[in-house]
PDB file of N, CA and C in Angstrom:
ATOM      1  N   MET A   1     -32.236  28.928  41.890  1.00  0.00           N
ATOM      2  CA  MET A   1     -30.994  28.868  42.614  1.00  0.00           C
ATOM      3  C   MET A   1     -30.798  27.535  43.341  1.00  0.00           C
ATOM      4  N   PRO A   2     -31.851  26.949  43.935  1.00  0.00           N
ATOM      5  CA  PRO A   2     -31.655  25.653  44.590  1.00  0.00           C
ATOM      6  C   PRO A   2     -31.217  24.566  43.599  1.00  0.00           C
ATOM      7  N   THR A   3     -31.645  24.691  42.342  1.00  0.00           N
ATOM      8  CA  THR A   3     -31.236  23.690  41.350  1.00  0.00           C
ATOM      9  C   THR A   3     -29.735  23.783  41.088  1.00  0.00           C
ATOM     10  N   LEU A   4     -29.213  25.010  41.052  1.00  0.00           N
ATOM     11  CA  LEU A   4     -27.785  25.210  40.847  1.00  0.00           C
ATOM     12  C   LEU A   4     -26.989  24.650  42.029  1.00  0.00           C
ATOM     13  N   ILE A   5     -27.469  24.870  43.224  1.00  0.00           N
ATOM     14  CA  ILE A   5     -26.796  24.351  44.422  1.00  0.00           C
ATOM     15  C   ILE A   5     -26.790  22.822  44.390  1.00  0.00           C
ATOM     16  N   ARG A   6     -27.927  22.218  44.026  1.00  0.00           N
ATOM     17  CA  ARG A   6     -27.997  20.750  43.940  1.00  0.00           C
ATOM     18  C   ARG A   6     -27.015  20.221  42.893  1.00  0.00           C
ATOM     19  N   LEU A   7     -26.912  20.918  41.756  1.00  0.00           N
ATOM     20  CA  LEU A   7     -25.989  20.494  40.706  1.00  0.00           C
ATOM     21  C   LEU A   7     -24.546  20.562  41.192  1.00  0.00           C
ATOM     22  N   ILE A   8     -24.196  21.643  41.841  1.00  0.00           N
ATOM     23  CA  ILE A   8     -22.820  21.794  42.340  1.00  0.00           C
ATOM     24  C   ILE A   8     -22.512  20.735  43.390  1.00  0.00           C
ATOM     25  N   ILE A   9     -23.426  20.478  44.283  1.00  0.00           N
ATOM     26  CA  ILE A   9     -23.208  19.458  45.315  1.00  0.00           C
ATOM     27  C   ILE A   9     -23.070  18.079  44.681  1.00  0.00           C
ATOM     28  N   THR A  10     -23.878  17.781  43.675  1.00  0.00           N
ATOM     29  CA  THR A  10     -23.794  16.486  42.992  1.00  0.00           C
ATOM     30  C   THR A  10     -22.454  16.331  42.286  1.00  0.00           C
ATOM     31  N   LEU A  11     -22.003  17.396  41.609  1.00  0.00           N
ATOM     32  CA  LEU A  11     -20.712  17.328  40.924  1.00  0.00           C
ATOM     33  C   LEU A  11     -19.559  17.183  41.915  1.00  0.00           C
ATOM     34  N   LEU A  12     -19.640  17.879  43.046  1.00  0.00           N
ATOM     35  CA  LEU A  12     -18.608  17.729  44.071  1.00  0.00           C
ATOM     36  C   LEU A  12     -18.599  16.318  44.649  1.00  0.00           C
ATOM     37  N   PHE A  13     -19.775  15.744  44.849  1.00  0.00           N
ATOM     38  CA  PHE A  13     -19.867  14.378  45.356  1.00  0.00           C
ATOM     39  C   PHE A  13     -19.237  13.390  44.371  1.00  0.00           C
ATOM     40  N   LEU A  14     -19.527  13.560  43.062  1.00  0.00           N
ATOM     41  CA  LEU A  14     -18.943  12.676  42.049  1.00  0.00           C
ATOM     42  C   LEU A  14     -17.429  12.854  41.972  1.00  0.00           C
ATOM     43  N   ALA A  15     -16.952  14.088  42.076  1.00  0.00           N
ATOM     44  CA  ALA A  15     -15.502  14.327  42.080  1.00  0.00           C
ATOM     45  C   ALA A  15     -14.855  13.673  43.297  1.00  0.00           C
ATOM     46  N   GLY A  16     -15.533  13.705  44.454  1.00  0.00           N
ATOM     47  CA  GLY A  16     -15.017  13.049  45.650  1.00  0.00           C
ATOM     48  C   GLY A  16     -14.936  11.543  45.480  1.00  0.00           C
ATOM     49  N   LEU A  17     -15.950  10.959  44.811  1.00  0.00           N
ATOM     50  CA  LEU A  17     -15.910   9.512  44.548  1.00  0.00           C
ATOM     51  C   LEU A  17     -14.738   9.150  43.634  1.00  0.00           C
ATOM     52  N   VAL A  18     -14.510   9.950  42.614  1.00  0.00           N
ATOM     53  CA  VAL A  18     -13.385   9.686  41.700  1.00  0.00           C
ATOM     54  C   VAL A  18     -12.070   9.799  42.468  1.00  0.00           C
ATOM     55  N   TYR A  19     -11.935  10.819  43.281  1.00  0.00           N
ATOM     56  CA  TYR A  19     -10.716  10.995  44.069  1.00  0.00           C
ATOM     57  C   TYR A  19     -10.517   9.832  45.038  1.00  0.00           C
ATOM     58  N   ALA A  20     -11.579   9.398  45.688  1.00  0.00           N
ATOM     59  CA  ALA A  20     -11.485   8.261  46.615  1.00  0.00           C
ATOM     60  C   ALA A  20     -11.092   6.989  45.866  1.00  0.00           C
ATOM     61  N   GLY A  21     -11.602   6.821  44.663  1.00  0.00           N
ATOM     62  CA  GLY A  21     -11.222   5.654  43.865  1.00  0.00           C
ATOM     63  C   GLY A  21      -9.755   5.678  43.491  1.00  0.00           C
ATOM     64  N   MET A  22      -9.246   6.856  43.165  1.00  0.00           N
ATOM     65  CA  MET A  22      -7.822   6.957  42.829  1.00  0.00           C
ATOM     66  C   MET A  22      -6.951   6.676  44.047  1.00  0.00           C
ATOM     67  N   VAL A  23      -7.349   7.175  45.205  1.00  0.00           N
ATOM     68  CA  VAL A  23      -6.589   6.910  46.430  1.00  0.00           C
ATOM     69  C   VAL A  23      -6.610   5.415  46.751  1.00  0.00           C
ATOM     70  N   ALA A  24      -7.764   4.769  46.551  1.00  0.00           N
ATOM     71  CA  ALA A  24      -7.866   3.325  46.807  1.00  0.00           C
ATOM     72  C   ALA A  24      -6.956   2.543  45.857  1.00  0.00           C
ATOM     73  N   LEU A  25      -6.922   2.941  44.596  1.00  0.00           N
ATOM     74  CA  LEU A  25      -6.040   2.241  43.650  1.00  0.00           C
ATOM     75  C   LEU A  25      -4.579   2.391  44.036  1.00  0.00           C
ATOM     76  N   VAL A  26      -4.174   3.593  44.447  1.00  0.00           N
ATOM     77  CA  VAL A  26      -2.782   3.811  44.843  1.00  0.00           C
ATOM     78  C   VAL A  26      -2.446   3.003  46.092  1.00  0.00           C
ATOM     79  N   SER A  27      -3.376   2.894  47.007  1.00  0.00           N
ATOM     80  CA  SER A  27      -3.108   2.217  48.279  1.00  0.00           C
ATOM     81  C   SER A  27      -3.098   0.694  48.160  1.00  0.00           C
ATOM     82  N   PHE A  28      -4.010   0.140  47.386  1.00  0.00           N
ATOM     83  CA  PHE A  28      -4.208  -1.303  47.411  1.00  0.00           C
ATOM     84  C   PHE A  28      -3.633  -2.068  46.223  1.00  0.00           C
ATOM     85  N   VAL A  29      -3.283  -1.425  45.138  1.00  0.00           N
ATOM     86  CA  VAL A  29      -2.805  -2.142  43.947  1.00  0.00           C
ATOM     87  C   VAL A  29      -1.297  -1.967  43.836  1.00  0.00           C
ATOM     88  N   GLU A  30      -0.598  -3.069  43.779  1.00  0.00           N
ATOM     89  CA  GLU A  30       0.848  -3.077  43.588  1.00  0.00           C
ATOM     90  C   GLU A  30       1.146  -3.571  42.173  1.00  0.00           C
ATOM     91  N   PRO A  31       1.870  -2.807  41.378  1.00  0.00           N
ATOM     92  CA  PRO A  31       2.188  -3.275  40.026  1.00  0.00           C
ATOM     93  C   PRO A  31       3.187  -4.426  40.061  1.00  0.00           C
ATOM     94  N   ALA A  32       3.018  -5.366  39.144  1.00  0.00           N
ATOM     95  CA  ALA A  32       3.926  -6.507  39.069  1.00  0.00           C
ATOM     96  C   ALA A  32       5.122  -6.127  38.192  1.00  0.00           C
ATOM     97  N   PRO A  33       6.324  -6.160  38.755  1.00  0.00           N
ATOM     98  CA  PRO A  33       7.499  -5.823  37.946  1.00  0.00           C
ATOM     99  C   PRO A  33       7.770  -6.915  36.922  1.00  0.00           C
ATOM    100  N   LYS A  34       8.158  -6.495  35.719  1.00  0.00           N
ATOM    101  CA  LYS A  34       8.523  -7.467  34.684  1.00  0.00           C
ATOM    102  C   LYS A  34       9.668  -6.897  33.875  1.00  0.00           C
ATOM    103  N   GLN A  35      10.426  -7.794  33.253  1.00  0.00           N
ATOM    104  CA  GLN A  35      11.578  -7.389  32.478  1.00  0.00           C
ATOM    105  C   GLN A  35      11.134  -7.028  31.066  1.00  0.00           C
ATOM    106  N   VAL A  36      11.650  -5.909  30.565  1.00  0.00           N
ATOM    107  CA  VAL A  36      11.324  -5.435  29.232  1.00  0.00           C
ATOM    108  C   VAL A  36      12.602  -5.406  28.413  1.00  0.00           C
ATOM    109  N   THR A  37      12.562  -6.003  27.212  1.00  0.00           N
ATOM    110  CA  THR A  37      13.710  -6.013  26.321  1.00  0.00           C
ATOM    111  C   THR A  37      13.337  -5.287  25.037  1.00  0.00           C
ATOM    112  N   ILE A  38      14.135  -4.285  24.678  1.00  0.00           N
ATOM    113  CA  ILE A  38      13.927  -3.551  23.434  1.00  0.00           C
ATOM    114  C   ILE A  38      15.180  -3.719  22.590  1.00  0.00           C
ATOM    115  N   ARG A  39      15.007  -4.256  21.386  1.00  0.00           N
ATOM    116  CA  ARG A  39      16.150  -4.459  20.499  1.00  0.00           C
ATOM    117  C   ARG A  39      16.428  -3.181  19.722  1.00  0.00           C
ATOM    118  N   ILE A  40      17.683  -2.741  19.766  1.00  0.00           N
ATOM    119  CA  ILE A  40      18.113  -1.554  19.032  1.00  0.00           C
ATOM    120  C   ILE A  40      19.101  -2.012  17.967  1.00  0.00           C
ATOM    121  N   PRO A  41      18.839  -1.715  16.692  1.00  0.00           N
ATOM    122  CA  PRO A  41      19.775  -2.130  15.633  1.00  0.00           C
ATOM    123  C   PRO A  41      21.154  -1.511  15.850  1.00  0.00           C
ATOM    124  N   ALA A  42      22.202  -2.253  15.450  1.00  0.00           N
ATOM    125  CA  ALA A  42      23.573  -1.794  15.655  1.00  0.00           C
ATOM    126  C   ALA A  42      23.845  -0.512  14.890  1.00  0.00           C
ATOM    127  N   ARG A  43      23.201  -0.321  13.729  1.00  0.00           N
ATOM    128  CA  ARG A  43      23.463   0.897  12.948  1.00  0.00           C
ATOM    129  C   ARG A  43      23.004   2.138  13.699  1.00  0.00           C
ATOM    130  N   ASP A  44      21.971   2.005  14.542  1.00  0.00           N
ATOM    131  CA  ASP A  44      21.528   3.139  15.334  1.00  0.00           C
ATOM    132  C   ASP A  44      22.515   3.439  16.456  1.00  0.00           C
ATOM    133  N   LEU A  45      23.151   2.407  16.993  1.00  0.00           N
ATOM    134  CA  LEU A  45      24.115   2.608  18.068  1.00  0.00           C
ATOM    135  C   LEU A  45      25.426   3.180  17.547  1.00  0.00           C
ATOM    136  N   LEU A  46      25.823   2.776  16.327  1.00  0.00           N
ATOM    137  CA  LEU A  46      27.102   3.199  15.780  1.00  0.00           C
ATOM    138  C   LEU A  46      26.993   4.483  14.975  1.00  0.00           C
ATOM    139  N   GLY A  47      25.814   5.061  14.848  1.00  0.00           N
ATOM    140  CA  GLY A  47      25.659   6.305  14.097  1.00  0.00           C
ATOM    141  C   GLY A  47      25.799   6.079  12.613  1.00  0.00           C
ATOM    142  N   GLY A  48      25.091   5.128  12.075  1.00  0.00           N
ATOM    143  CA  GLY A  48      25.189   4.782  10.670  1.00  0.00           C
ATOM    144  C   GLY A  48      24.574   5.806   9.735  1.00  0.00           C
ATOM    145  N   GLY A  49      24.057   6.886  10.215  1.00  0.00           N
ATOM    146  CA  GLY A  49      23.491   7.913   9.357  1.00  0.00           C
ATOM    147  C   GLY A  49      22.004   7.733   9.185  1.00  0.00           C
ATOM    148  N   ALA A  50      21.493   8.365   8.125  1.00  0.00           N
ATOM    149  CA  ALA A  50      20.057   8.324   7.861  1.00  0.00           C
ATOM    150  C   ALA A  50      19.664   6.941   7.356  1.00  0.00           C
ATOM    151  N   PRO A  51      18.479   6.479   7.687  1.00  0.00           N
ATOM    152  CA  PRO A  51      18.037   5.174   7.201  1.00  0.00           C
ATOM    153  C   PRO A  51      17.836   5.210   5.694  1.00  0.00           C
ATOM    154  N   VAL A  52      18.075   4.077   5.057  1.00  0.00           N
ATOM    155  CA  VAL A  52      17.938   3.965   3.612  1.00  0.00           C
ATOM    156  C   VAL A  52      16.517   3.520   3.302  1.00  0.00           C
ATOM    157  N   LEU A  53      15.872   4.256   2.397  1.00  0.00           N
ATOM    158  CA  LEU A  53      14.524   3.905   1.999  1.00  0.00           C
ATOM    159  C   LEU A  53      14.546   2.701   1.072  1.00  0.00           C
ATOM    160  N   PRO A  54      13.506   1.864   1.086  1.00  0.00           N
ATOM    161  CA  PRO A  54      13.466   0.731   0.167  1.00  0.00           C
ATOM    162  C   PRO A  54      13.461   1.221  -1.273  1.00  0.00           C
ATOM    163  N   GLY A  55      14.270   0.602  -2.105  1.00  0.00           N
ATOM    164  CA  GLY A  55      14.335   0.965  -3.512  1.00  0.00           C
ATOM    165  C   GLY A  55      15.298   2.096  -3.805  1.00  0.00           C
ATOM    166  N   SER A  56      16.115   2.497  -2.829  1.00  0.00           N
ATOM    167  CA  SER A  56      17.078   3.559  -3.075  1.00  0.00           C
ATOM    168  C   SER A  56      18.470   3.053  -2.739  1.00  0.00           C
ATOM    169  N   THR A  57      19.461   3.736  -3.288  1.00  0.00           N
ATOM    170  CA  THR A  57      20.839   3.379  -2.989  1.00  0.00           C
ATOM    171  C   THR A  57      21.278   4.158  -1.761  1.00  0.00           C
ATOM    172  N   PRO A  58      22.280   3.692  -1.048  1.00  0.00           N
ATOM    173  CA  PRO A  58      22.684   4.377   0.185  1.00  0.00           C
ATOM    174  C   PRO A  58      23.120   5.825  -0.028  1.00  0.00           C
ATOM    175  N   GLY A  59      23.557   6.215  -1.235  1.00  0.00           N
ATOM    176  CA  GLY A  59      24.011   7.577  -1.472  1.00  0.00           C
ATOM    177  C   GLY A  59      22.891   8.558  -1.753  1.00  0.00           C
ATOM    178  N   THR A  60      21.703   8.069  -2.083  1.00  0.00           N
ATOM    179  CA  THR A  60      20.600   8.967  -2.418  1.00  0.00           C
ATOM    180  C   THR A  60      19.498   8.838  -1.388  1.00  0.00           C
ATOM    181  N   SER A  61      18.608   9.803  -1.390  1.00  0.00           N
ATOM    182  CA  SER A  61      17.520   9.736  -0.432  1.00  0.00           C
ATOM    183  C   SER A  61      16.207   9.349  -1.082  1.00  0.00           C
ATOM    184  N   GLY A  62      16.163   9.258  -2.378  1.00  0.00           N
ATOM    185  CA  GLY A  62      14.919   8.943  -3.072  1.00  0.00           C
ATOM    186  C   GLY A  62      15.014   7.629  -3.803  1.00  0.00           C
ATOM    187  N   PRO A  63      13.982   7.276  -4.574  1.00  0.00           N
ATOM    188  CA  PRO A  63      14.005   6.036  -5.348  1.00  0.00           C
ATOM    189  C   PRO A  63      15.060   6.087  -6.445  1.00  0.00           C
ATOM    190  N   THR A  64      15.522   4.913  -6.903  1.00  0.00           N
ATOM    191  CA  THR A  64      16.571   4.865  -7.910  1.00  0.00           C
ATOM    192  C   THR A  64      16.058   5.212  -9.298  1.00  0.00           C
ATOM    193  N   SER A  65      14.814   4.969  -9.577  1.00  0.00           N
ATOM    194  CA  SER A  65      14.277   5.265 -10.901  1.00  0.00           C
ATOM    195  C   SER A  65      13.663   6.656 -10.894  1.00  0.00           C
ATOM    196  N   GLN A  66      14.543   7.649 -11.106  1.00  0.00           N
ATOM    197  CA  GLN A  66      14.058   9.019 -11.117  1.00  0.00           C
ATOM    198  C   GLN A  66      13.783   9.429 -12.551  1.00  0.00           C
ATOM    199  N   THR A  67      12.592   9.916 -12.799  1.00  0.00           N
ATOM    200  CA  THR A  67      12.232  10.360 -14.137  1.00  0.00           C
ATOM    201  C   THR A  67      12.078  11.870 -14.118  1.00  0.00           C
ATOM    202  N   GLU A  68      12.411  12.474 -15.273  1.00  0.00           N
ATOM    203  CA  GLU A  68      12.271  13.915 -15.375  1.00  0.00           C
ATOM    204  C   GLU A  68      10.826  14.248 -15.677  1.00  0.00           C
ATOM    205  N   PRO A  69      10.337  15.359 -15.174  1.00  0.00           N
ATOM    206  CA  PRO A  69       8.966  15.726 -15.489  1.00  0.00           C
ATOM    207  C   PRO A  69       8.836  16.070 -16.964  1.00  0.00           C
ATOM    208  N   GLU A  70       7.695  15.736 -17.536  1.00  0.00           N
ATOM    209  CA  GLU A  70       7.484  16.000 -18.945  1.00  0.00           C
ATOM    210  C   GLU A  70       7.341  17.499 -19.171  1.00  0.00           C
ATOM    211  N   SER A  71       8.066  17.987 -20.185  1.00  0.00           N
ATOM    212  CA  SER A  71       7.945  19.394 -20.524  1.00  0.00           C
ATOM    213  C   SER A  71       7.075  19.513 -21.769  1.00  0.00           C
ATOM    214  N   PRO A  72       6.261  20.510 -21.856  1.00  0.00           N
ATOM    215  CA  PRO A  72       5.406  20.641 -23.033  1.00  0.00           C
ATOM    216  C   PRO A  72       6.247  20.924 -24.272  1.00  0.00           C
ATOM    217  N   THR A  73       5.858  20.339 -25.404  1.00  0.00           N
ATOM    218  CA  THR A  73       6.609  20.538 -26.647  1.00  0.00           C
ATOM    219  C   THR A  73       6.335  21.907 -27.233  1.00  0.00           C
ATOM    220  N   GLU A  74       5.138  22.425 -27.068  1.00  0.00           N
ATOM    221  CA  GLU A  74       4.795  23.748 -27.564  1.00  0.00           C
ATOM    222  C   GLU A  74       4.377  24.614 -26.386  1.00  0.00           C
ATOM    223  N   PRO A  75       4.837  25.856 -26.379  1.00  0.00           N
ATOM    224  CA  PRO A  75       4.353  26.720 -25.306  1.00  0.00           C
ATOM    225  C   PRO A  75       2.882  27.018 -25.513  1.00  0.00           C
ATOM    226  N   GLU A  76       2.161  27.055 -24.410  1.00  0.00           N
ATOM    227  CA  GLU A  76       0.737  27.316 -24.506  1.00  0.00           C
ATOM    228  C   GLU A  76       0.507  28.792 -24.799  1.00  0.00           C
ATOM    229  N   SER A  77      -0.322  29.061 -25.794  1.00  0.00           N
ATOM    230  CA  SER A  77      -0.630  30.443 -26.120  1.00  0.00           C
ATOM    231  C   SER A  77      -1.969  30.810 -25.501  1.00  0.00           C
ATOM    232  N   PRO A  78      -2.094  32.004 -25.031  1.00  0.00           N
ATOM    233  CA  PRO A  78      -3.363  32.403 -24.438  1.00  0.00           C
ATOM    234  C   PRO A  78      -4.462  32.455 -25.494  1.00  0.00           C
ATOM    235  N   THR A  79      -5.619  32.028 -25.134  1.00  0.00           N
ATOM    236  CA  THR A  79      -6.735  32.040 -26.071  1.00  0.00           C
ATOM    237  C   THR A  79      -7.605  33.243 -25.805  1.00  0.00           C
ATOM    238  N   GLU A  80      -8.152  33.753 -26.872  1.00  0.00           N
ATOM    239  CA  GLU A  80      -9.027  34.899 -26.732  1.00  0.00           C
ATOM    240  C   GLU A  80     -10.439  34.430 -26.407  1.00  0.00           C
ATOM    241  N   PRO A  81     -11.173  35.186 -25.622  1.00  0.00           N
ATOM    242  CA  PRO A  81     -12.543  34.768 -25.341  1.00  0.00           C
ATOM    243  C   PRO A  81     -13.375  34.774 -26.627  1.00  0.00           C
ATOM    244  N   GLY A  82     -14.164  33.745 -26.765  1.00  0.00           N
ATOM    245  CA  GLY A  82     -15.035  33.619 -27.923  1.00  0.00           C
ATOM    246  C   GLY A  82     -14.436  32.815 -29.056  1.00  0.00           C
ATOM    247  N   SER A  83     -13.131  32.495 -28.994  1.00  0.00           N
ATOM    248  CA  SER A  83     -12.530  31.691 -30.073  1.00  0.00           C
ATOM    249  C   SER A  83     -12.627  30.228 -29.679  1.00  0.00           C
ATOM    250  N   PRO A  84     -12.760  29.343 -30.690  1.00  0.00           N
ATOM    251  CA  PRO A  84     -12.920  27.907 -30.379  1.00  0.00           C
ATOM    252  C   PRO A  84     -11.669  27.237 -29.918  1.00  0.00           C
TER     253      PRO A  84
END
């Protein structure tokens, strides 16, 4: 039990040091004000719609070279077990 008490007291002491450090930072450190400039594109301000992806036309949402998936020429037939 004394070991548990020592552990709790040590943790409380460390928490107090952290708290004291935070209070010291708030009291003694003044942030330096600076001007921040963020550029916003005009299309975002005017509501130009969804952004256009590279390689696509403004009317579509995907690439311009759309290919159809290959369809098998013959339907696959189920094979029986033991046949080659």
